[in-house]
Amino acid sequence: MSRSGTPTDNPTIEALNGWIKDELYKNFDLYNSDDIHKTIEEFFYYFNHKRLAYSQQYKTPIQVRLELGFN
């Protein structure tokens, strides 16, 4: 993570954090959630198991890891 006030230290992580926050608020309705921890768990399940990524030939991250031999 970057130092306070210097997001240019690690722009990849900063961009990912912003993207995750945006997804949680818009698509997972974090503001109206009764259980925030459950909502975040649902998001990460979606992120790893259901979200197709263009950069991975429209495969999920789990599919790519299994194809590479990671369990």
Protein backbone atom coordinates (compact mmCIF):
# COMPACT_ATOMS: atom_id res chain seq x y z
CA MET A 1 0.00 0.00 0.00
CA SER A 2 1.11 3.52 -0.55
CA ARG A 3 2.05 6.13 2.00
CA SER A 4 -0.63 8.53 3.13
CA GLY A 5 -1.18 11.26 0.58
CA THR A 6 0.91 9.64 -2.16
CA PRO A 7 -1.29 7.37 -4.28
CA THR A 8 1.37 7.31 -6.99
CA ASP A 9 3.48 4.90 -4.90
CA ASN A 10 1.36 1.97 -6.07
CA PRO A 11 -1.12 3.02 -8.76
CA THR A 12 -2.22 -0.53 -9.57
CA ILE A 13 -3.44 -1.23 -6.03
CA GLU A 14 -4.97 2.25 -5.74
CA ALA A 15 -6.90 1.71 -8.98
CA LEU A 16 -8.10 -1.72 -7.82
CA ASN A 17 -9.24 -0.30 -4.47
CA GLY A 18 -11.21 2.41 -6.25
CA TRP A 19 -12.78 -0.09 -8.62
CA ILE A 20 -13.78 -2.40 -5.74
CA LYS A 21 -15.36 0.48 -3.80
CA ASP A 22 -17.27 1.58 -6.89
CA GLU A 23 -18.57 -1.95 -7.52
CA LEU A 24 -19.60 -2.41 -3.89
CA TYR A 25 -21.58 0.83 -3.81
CA LYS A 26 -23.21 0.58 -7.24
CA ASN A 27 -23.77 -3.13 -7.92
CA PHE A 28 -23.89 -4.60 -4.42
CA ASP A 29 -25.81 -1.73 -2.75
CA LEU A 30 -23.47 -1.44 0.21
CA TYR A 31 -25.31 1.61 1.59
CA ASN A 32 -28.53 -0.37 2.14
CA SER A 33 -26.91 -3.59 3.26
CA ASP A 34 -27.92 -5.04 6.63
CA ASP A 35 -24.75 -7.12 6.92
CA ILE A 36 -21.70 -5.39 5.44
CA HIS A 37 -19.38 -8.35 6.00
CA LYS A 38 -21.72 -10.69 4.12
CA THR A 39 -22.00 -8.19 1.25
CA ILE A 40 -18.22 -7.96 0.98
CA GLU A 41 -17.91 -11.77 1.04
CA GLU A 42 -20.53 -12.01 -1.74
CA PHE A 43 -18.59 -9.46 -3.78
CA PHE A 44 -15.32 -11.36 -3.50
CA TYR A 45 -17.04 -14.63 -4.37
CA TYR A 46 -18.43 -12.90 -7.47
CA PHE A 47 -15.03 -11.35 -8.23
CA ASN A 48 -13.20 -14.70 -8.14
CA HIS A 49 -15.83 -17.18 -9.35
CA LYS A 50 -18.25 -15.42 -11.70
CA ARG A 51 -16.63 -12.27 -13.15
CA LEU A 52 -15.28 -12.89 -16.64
CA ALA A 53 -12.12 -10.98 -17.45
CA TYR A 54 -11.24 -9.83 -20.96
CA SER A 55 -7.52 -9.97 -20.18
CA GLN A 56 -7.89 -13.65 -19.26
CA GLN A 57 -9.72 -14.67 -22.45
CA TYR A 58 -13.13 -14.32 -20.73
CA LYS A 59 -12.34 -16.75 -17.95
CA THR A 60 -12.80 -16.28 -14.23
CA PRO A 61 -9.73 -15.86 -12.01
CA ILE A 62 -10.39 -19.29 -10.47
CA GLN A 63 -10.45 -20.94 -13.91
CA VAL A 64 -7.14 -19.33 -14.83
CA ARG A 65 -5.48 -20.43 -11.58
CA LEU A 66 -6.70 -24.00 -12.01
CA GLU A 67 -5.42 -24.11 -15.59
CA LEU A 68 -2.02 -22.91 -14.36
CA GLY A 69 -1.91 -25.72 -11.80
CA PHE A 70 -2.65 -23.78 -8.63
CA ASN A 71 -5.10 -25.39 -6.22
